[in-house]
């Protein structure tokens, strides 16, 4: 139950499709590889998305 509520609250915080994609990838990496990998991938994806958004 706690996992469902946590996921629901997290998905309610997302505003754009890009953020939803980043969150999904982070969740998958976090589940498969662990916290350090999830954090590293999250930072990398965030920077890539922000850089791309800045060019538009």
C-alpha atoms as a PDB file:
ATOM      1  CA  UNK A   1       0.000   0.000   0.000  1.00  0.00           C
ATOM      2  CA  UNK A   2       2.793   2.420   0.884  1.00  0.00           C
ATOM      3  CA  UNK A   3       4.503   1.836  -2.474  1.00  0.00           C
ATOM      4  CA  UNK A   4       1.294   2.594  -4.358  1.00  0.00           C
ATOM      5  CA  UNK A   5       0.682   5.819  -2.458  1.00  0.00           C
ATOM      6  CA  UNK A   6       4.293   6.905  -2.918  1.00  0.00           C
ATOM      7  CA  UNK A   7       4.134   6.246  -6.674  1.00  0.00           C
ATOM      8  CA  UNK A   8       0.801   8.065  -6.930  1.00  0.00           C
ATOM      9  CA  UNK A   9       2.120  11.156  -5.136  1.00  0.00           C
ATOM     10  CA  UNK A  10       5.245  11.135  -7.297  1.00  0.00           C
ATOM     11  CA  UNK A  11       3.246  10.905 -10.526  1.00  0.00           C
ATOM     12  CA  UNK A  12       1.044  13.808  -9.414  1.00  0.00           C
ATOM     13  CA  UNK A  13       4.163  16.005  -9.147  1.00  0.00           C
ATOM     14  CA  UNK A  14       5.081  15.479 -12.815  1.00  0.00           C
ATOM     15  CA  UNK A  15       4.050  18.264 -15.193  1.00  0.00           C
ATOM     16  CA  UNK A  16       5.406  17.330 -18.640  1.00  0.00           C
ATOM     17  CA  UNK A  17       5.912  14.212 -20.736  1.00  0.00           C
ATOM     18  CA  UNK A  18       9.673  14.697 -20.527  1.00  0.00           C
ATOM     19  CA  UNK A  19       9.537  14.592 -16.742  1.00  0.00           C
ATOM     20  CA  UNK A  20       7.387  11.453 -16.896  1.00  0.00           C
ATOM     21  CA  UNK A  21       9.928   9.762 -19.155  1.00  0.00           C
ATOM     22  CA  UNK A  22      12.836  10.701 -16.908  1.00  0.00           C
ATOM     23  CA  UNK A  23      10.950   9.472 -13.835  1.00  0.00           C
ATOM     24  CA  UNK A  24      10.162   6.158 -15.521  1.00  0.00           C
ATOM     25  CA  UNK A  25      13.754   5.560 -16.546  1.00  0.00           C
ATOM     26  CA  UNK A  26      15.018   6.483 -13.085  1.00  0.00           C
ATOM     27  CA  UNK A  27      12.513   4.091 -11.486  1.00  0.00           C
ATOM     28  CA  UNK A  28      13.593   1.238 -13.752  1.00  0.00           C
ATOM     29  CA  UNK A  29      17.307   1.828 -13.154  1.00  0.00           C
ATOM     30  CA  UNK A  30      16.702   2.220  -9.436  1.00  0.00           C
ATOM     31  CA  UNK A  31      14.871  -1.103  -9.281  1.00  0.00           C
ATOM     32  CA  UNK A  32      17.449  -2.966 -11.366  1.00  0.00           C
ATOM     33  CA  UNK A  33      20.831  -1.414 -10.520  1.00  0.00           C
ATOM     34  CA  UNK A  34      20.346   0.368  -7.190  1.00  0.00           C
ATOM     35  CA  UNK A  35      20.312   3.830  -5.693  1.00  0.00           C
ATOM     36  CA  UNK A  36      23.693   5.097  -6.889  1.00  0.00           C
ATOM     37  CA  UNK A  37      22.970   4.144 -10.502  1.00  0.00           C
ATOM     38  CA  UNK A  38      19.474   5.621 -10.288  1.00  0.00           C
ATOM     39  CA  UNK A  39      20.821   8.913  -8.977  1.00  0.00           C
ATOM     40  CA  UNK A  40      23.549   9.089 -11.629  1.00  0.00           C
ATOM     41  CA  UNK A  41      21.147   8.305 -14.473  1.00  0.00           C
ATOM     42  CA  UNK A  42      18.629  10.801 -13.085  1.00  0.00           C
ATOM     43  CA  UNK A  43      21.167  13.620 -12.992  1.00  0.00           C
ATOM     44  CA  UNK A  44      22.405  12.795 -16.492  1.00  0.00           C
ATOM     45  CA  UNK A  45      18.890  12.636 -17.958  1.00  0.00           C
ATOM     46  CA  UNK A  46      17.871  15.840 -16.194  1.00  0.00           C
ATOM     47  CA  UNK A  47      20.836  17.709 -17.650  1.00  0.00           C
ATOM     48  CA  UNK A  48      20.189  16.315 -21.122  1.00  0.00           C
ATOM     49  CA  UNK A  49      16.500  17.251 -21.032  1.00  0.00           C
ATOM     50  CA  UNK A  50      17.236  20.748 -19.698  1.00  0.00           C
ATOM     51  CA  UNK A  51      19.911  21.302 -22.357  1.00  0.00           C
ATOM     52  CA  UNK A  52      17.524  20.213 -25.095  1.00  0.00           C
ATOM     53  CA  UNK A  53      14.731  22.362 -23.671  1.00  0.00           C
ATOM     54  CA  UNK A  54      17.078  25.361 -23.577  1.00  0.00           C
ATOM     55  CA  UNK A  55      17.924  25.004 -27.288  1.00  0.00           C
ATOM     56  CA  UNK A  56      14.257  25.268 -28.315  1.00  0.00           C
END
